[in-house]
Amino acid sequence: MPVNKEELFKKLSDAVVDMNEDEAVDLSKEIVDKKVDAYEAVEKGLSDGMERAGKLFEEEEYFIPELLLCSDAMYAGLDILKGHIRSSEEGEKRKVVIGVVEGDTHDIGKNLVKIMLETSGFDVFDLGRDIPPAAFVEKAKEVNADIIALATLMTTTMDGMSAVVEILKEQNIKDNYKVIIGGGPISQSFADKIGADGYAVNAADAVRLSKRLLAAAG
């Protein structure tokens, strides 16, 4: 009997939204046992569930405690799946410096992007949350990064993203890095306005965007 992948992914997504850690673990084990693509399960199951939970949070149907329980279910599933993800990259890994901009301590979305990038073969340097603009630039220079990824969920901290781009321009090193941004209030028009190289709507999109920008850069 063929495996219905989409049904498994939907159940996995539901387990995250329903804050059901045990179900997320059981489904992830079933995915591994049935040799379903683990990366696809993270993208279309766990990541999708976390995005749905994020929307419920924005709509004030869920609050911080529910969001944390959803993330617990996501991480529980991820612990099972991540060892079965085949890295798609060969050779030297491209480097990403990632963090949440100064003034914002929400990091579930950023953590999801980090995980998706790592499982896609990137070398990720996670600065954490509430990070001053200069710290992103200094870390990028230190590790010779290819990409600087900035996240925020708050409109009040969006200027921190602009500040990173400005510092790069002031130091005449903007062309050395691709700057990508994301988070609830962020849009492509804001990315264009501040001179960022791209905007990602979710974690899977951040991976696609990163690969696209680096491929174009050669």
Protein backbone atom coordinates (compact mmCIF):
# COMPACT_ATOMS: atom_id res chain seq x y z
CA MET A 1 0.00 0.00 0.00
CA PRO A 2 1.57 3.33 -1.03
CA VAL A 3 2.33 5.87 1.67
CA ASN A 4 0.10 8.93 1.60
CA LYS A 5 2.78 11.54 2.29
CA GLU A 6 0.46 14.54 2.22
CA GLU A 7 -1.80 12.94 4.84
CA LEU A 8 1.19 12.31 7.11
CA PHE A 9 2.41 15.89 6.67
CA LYS A 10 -1.08 17.24 7.46
CA LYS A 11 -1.27 15.14 10.64
CA LEU A 12 2.20 16.30 11.64
CA SER A 13 1.21 19.92 11.09
CA ASP A 14 -1.96 19.35 13.14
CA ALA A 15 0.07 17.79 15.97
CA VAL A 16 2.11 20.97 16.25
CA VAL A 17 -0.96 23.22 16.19
CA ASP A 18 -2.68 20.95 18.74
CA MET A 19 0.41 21.12 21.02
CA ASN A 20 0.54 17.30 20.94
CA GLU A 21 4.17 16.37 21.53
CA ASP A 22 3.56 12.60 21.68
CA GLU A 23 1.67 12.63 18.39
CA ALA A 24 4.45 14.65 16.73
CA VAL A 25 7.00 12.07 17.89
CA ASP A 26 4.89 9.09 16.78
CA LEU A 27 4.23 10.59 13.35
CA SER A 28 7.89 11.50 12.88
CA LYS A 29 8.89 7.92 13.69
CA GLU A 30 6.31 6.66 11.21
CA ILE A 31 7.75 8.99 8.54
CA VAL A 32 11.24 7.62 9.17
CA ASP A 33 10.00 4.00 9.16
CA LYS A 34 8.19 4.51 5.85
CA LYS A 35 11.26 6.23 4.36
CA VAL A 36 9.34 9.39 3.57
CA ASP A 37 11.63 12.35 2.81
CA ALA A 38 12.50 13.86 6.20
CA TYR A 39 13.28 17.34 4.89
CA GLU A 40 9.90 17.48 3.17
CA ALA A 41 8.28 16.36 6.44
CA VAL A 42 9.98 19.22 8.31
CA GLU A 43 8.93 21.75 5.66
CA LYS A 44 5.36 20.60 5.01
CA GLY A 45 4.61 19.19 8.46
CA LEU A 46 6.49 20.74 11.38
CA SER A 47 7.25 24.09 9.77
CA ASP A 48 3.74 24.41 8.37
CA GLY A 49 2.28 23.67 11.81
CA MET A 50 4.46 26.33 13.43
CA GLU A 51 3.41 28.87 10.81
CA ARG A 52 -0.24 28.08 11.49
CA ALA A 53 0.39 28.47 15.23
CA GLY A 54 2.05 31.82 14.51
CA LYS A 55 -1.05 33.00 12.66
CA LEU A 56 -3.26 31.95 15.61
CA PHE A 57 -0.93 33.97 17.84
CA GLU A 58 -1.27 37.03 15.58
CA GLU A 59 -5.06 36.62 15.67
CA GLU A 60 -4.89 36.41 19.49
CA GLU A 61 -6.44 32.95 19.55
CA TYR A 62 -3.15 31.61 20.91
CA PHE A 63 -0.87 33.34 23.40
CA ILE A 64 2.75 32.83 24.44
CA PRO A 65 2.10 29.65 26.54
CA GLU A 66 0.30 27.96 23.62
CA LEU A 67 3.00 29.05 21.18
CA LEU A 68 5.69 27.56 23.41
CA LEU A 69 3.80 24.26 23.64
CA CYS A 70 3.47 24.22 19.86
CA SER A 71 7.22 24.77 19.56
CA ASP A 72 7.83 21.91 22.04
CA ALA A 73 5.85 19.59 19.75
CA MET A 74 7.77 20.88 16.72
CA TYR A 75 11.15 20.34 18.36
CA ALA A 76 10.14 16.86 19.56
CA GLY A 77 9.34 15.86 15.98
CA LEU A 78 12.48 17.55 14.72
CA ASP A 79 14.67 15.55 17.10
CA ILE A 80 13.43 12.40 15.36
CA LEU A 81 13.64 13.69 11.78
CA LYS A 82 16.84 15.74 11.68
CA GLY A 83 19.16 12.74 11.74
CA HIS A 84 17.49 11.43 8.58
CA ILE A 85 17.80 14.56 6.46
CA ARG A 86 20.21 14.26 3.58
CA SER A 87 22.22 17.41 3.10
CA SER A 88 21.73 18.68 -0.43
CA GLU A 89 25.00 20.59 -0.54
CA GLU A 90 28.36 19.20 -1.55
CA GLY A 91 31.74 20.75 -0.85
CA GLU A 92 32.34 23.78 1.32
CA LYS A 93 29.29 25.01 3.21
CA ARG A 94 28.04 28.54 2.64
CA LYS A 95 27.84 30.59 5.83
CA VAL A 96 24.87 32.42 7.29
CA VAL A 97 24.86 34.77 10.28
CA ILE A 98 21.34 34.88 11.74
CA GLY A 99 19.64 36.65 14.62
CA VAL A 100 16.69 38.66 15.91
CA VAL A 101 17.27 42.40 15.81
CA GLU A 102 17.75 44.57 18.90
CA GLY A 103 14.64 45.15 20.99
CA ASP A 104 12.89 41.90 19.98
CA THR A 105 13.07 38.69 22.03
CA HIS A 106 10.76 36.52 19.89
CA ASP A 107 12.91 33.77 18.40
CA ILE A 108 10.74 30.78 17.49
CA GLY A 109 10.56 31.84 13.83
CA LYS A 110 14.28 32.57 13.73
CA ASN A 111 15.03 29.17 15.25
CA LEU A 112 12.94 27.47 12.58
CA VAL A 113 14.82 29.29 9.81
CA LYS A 114 18.11 28.27 11.42
CA ILE A 115 17.07 24.62 11.50
CA MET A 116 15.89 24.64 7.89
CA LEU A 117 19.12 26.30 6.72
CA GLU A 118 21.26 23.80 8.65
CA THR A 119 19.36 20.85 7.25
CA SER A 120 19.86 22.32 3.76
CA GLY A 121 23.63 22.27 4.15
CA PHE A 122 24.37 25.80 5.35
CA ASP A 123 26.80 26.60 8.16
CA VAL A 124 24.71 28.80 10.49
CA PHE A 125 26.06 31.18 13.12
CA ASP A 126 23.15 32.01 15.44
CA LEU A 127 23.61 35.23 17.41
CA GLY A 128 20.32 34.75 19.25
CA ARG A 129 17.83 37.53 19.94
CA ASP A 130 17.92 41.24 20.84
CA ILE A 131 21.10 41.75 18.78
CA PRO A 132 22.53 45.23 18.04
CA PRO A 133 23.05 46.00 14.32
CA ALA A 134 26.84 46.29 14.63
CA ALA A 135 27.07 42.77 16.09
CA PHE A 136 25.65 41.26 12.88
CA VAL A 137 28.25 43.05 10.79
CA GLU A 138 31.16 42.15 13.08
CA LYS A 139 30.18 38.46 13.12
CA ALA A 140 29.73 38.39 9.35
CA LYS A 141 33.24 39.82 8.91
CA GLU A 142 34.69 37.44 11.50
CA VAL A 143 33.37 34.23 9.90
CA ASN A 144 33.47 35.50 6.29
CA ALA A 145 29.73 34.95 5.93
CA ASP A 146 27.83 34.79 2.65
CA ILE A 147 24.46 35.83 4.08
CA ILE A 148 23.21 37.96 6.97
CA ALA A 149 19.67 36.91 7.97
CA LEU A 150 17.66 39.33 10.13
CA ALA A 151 14.36 38.58 11.86
CA THR A 152 11.81 40.53 13.86
CA LEU A 153 8.16 40.12 14.81
CA MET A 154 7.75 43.74 15.94
CA THR A 155 7.19 46.89 13.90
CA THR A 156 9.07 48.91 16.54
CA THR A 157 12.35 47.08 15.86
CA MET A 158 12.29 47.04 12.05
CA ASP A 159 14.69 49.99 11.93
CA GLY A 160 17.40 47.67 13.28
CA MET A 161 17.33 45.88 9.93
CA SER A 162 17.86 49.15 8.08
CA ALA A 163 20.74 49.97 10.45
CA VAL A 164 22.58 46.74 9.50
CA VAL A 165 22.39 47.62 5.81
CA GLU A 166 23.55 51.18 6.54
CA ILE A 167 26.60 49.96 8.49
CA LEU A 168 27.56 47.67 5.62
CA LYS A 169 27.27 50.58 3.19
CA GLU A 170 29.28 52.90 5.46
CA GLN A 171 32.07 50.34 5.60
CA ASN A 172 31.89 49.78 1.82
CA ILE A 173 31.29 46.04 2.30
CA LYS A 174 27.60 45.78 1.34
CA ASP A 175 28.53 43.84 -1.83
CA ASN A 176 30.30 41.20 0.27
CA TYR A 177 27.09 39.91 1.85
CA LYS A 178 23.52 39.08 0.90
CA VAL A 179 21.12 40.53 3.49
CA ILE A 180 17.79 38.73 3.87
CA ILE A 181 14.99 39.70 6.21
CA GLY A 182 11.78 38.17 7.53
CA GLY A 183 9.14 38.18 10.25
CA GLY A 184 5.50 39.07 10.79
CA PRO A 185 5.50 42.79 9.86
CA ILE A 186 8.15 42.52 7.12
CA SER A 187 7.35 42.73 3.40
CA GLN A 188 9.13 42.77 0.06
CA SER A 189 8.48 46.49 -0.22
CA PHE A 190 10.25 47.08 3.11
CA ALA A 191 13.18 44.96 1.93
CA ASP A 192 13.37 47.08 -1.24
CA LYS A 193 13.12 50.29 0.78
CA ILE A 194 16.07 49.51 3.08
CA GLY A 195 18.23 47.92 0.39
CA ALA A 196 18.06 44.31 1.61
CA ASP A 197 18.69 41.60 -0.98
CA GLY A 198 15.55 39.64 -0.28
CA TYR A 199 12.52 38.91 1.90
CA ALA A 200 11.39 35.44 2.97
CA VAL A 201 7.80 34.77 3.96
CA ASN A 202 8.66 31.63 5.98
CA ALA A 203 11.48 29.25 6.88
CA ALA A 204 11.31 27.13 3.73
CA ASP A 205 11.20 30.29 1.61
CA ALA A 206 14.32 31.57 3.44
CA VAL A 207 16.21 28.48 2.27
CA ARG A 208 15.03 28.89 -1.32
CA LEU A 209 15.87 32.60 -1.26
CA SER A 210 19.36 31.96 0.16
CA LYS A 211 20.15 29.36 -2.49
CA ARG A 212 18.80 31.60 -5.25
CA LEU A 213 20.84 34.63 -4.17
CA LEU A 214 24.06 32.63 -3.84
CA ALA A 215 23.53 30.89 -7.18
CA ALA A 216 23.04 34.27 -8.84
CA ALA A 217 26.19 35.61 -7.16
CA GLY A 218 28.20 32.62 -8.37
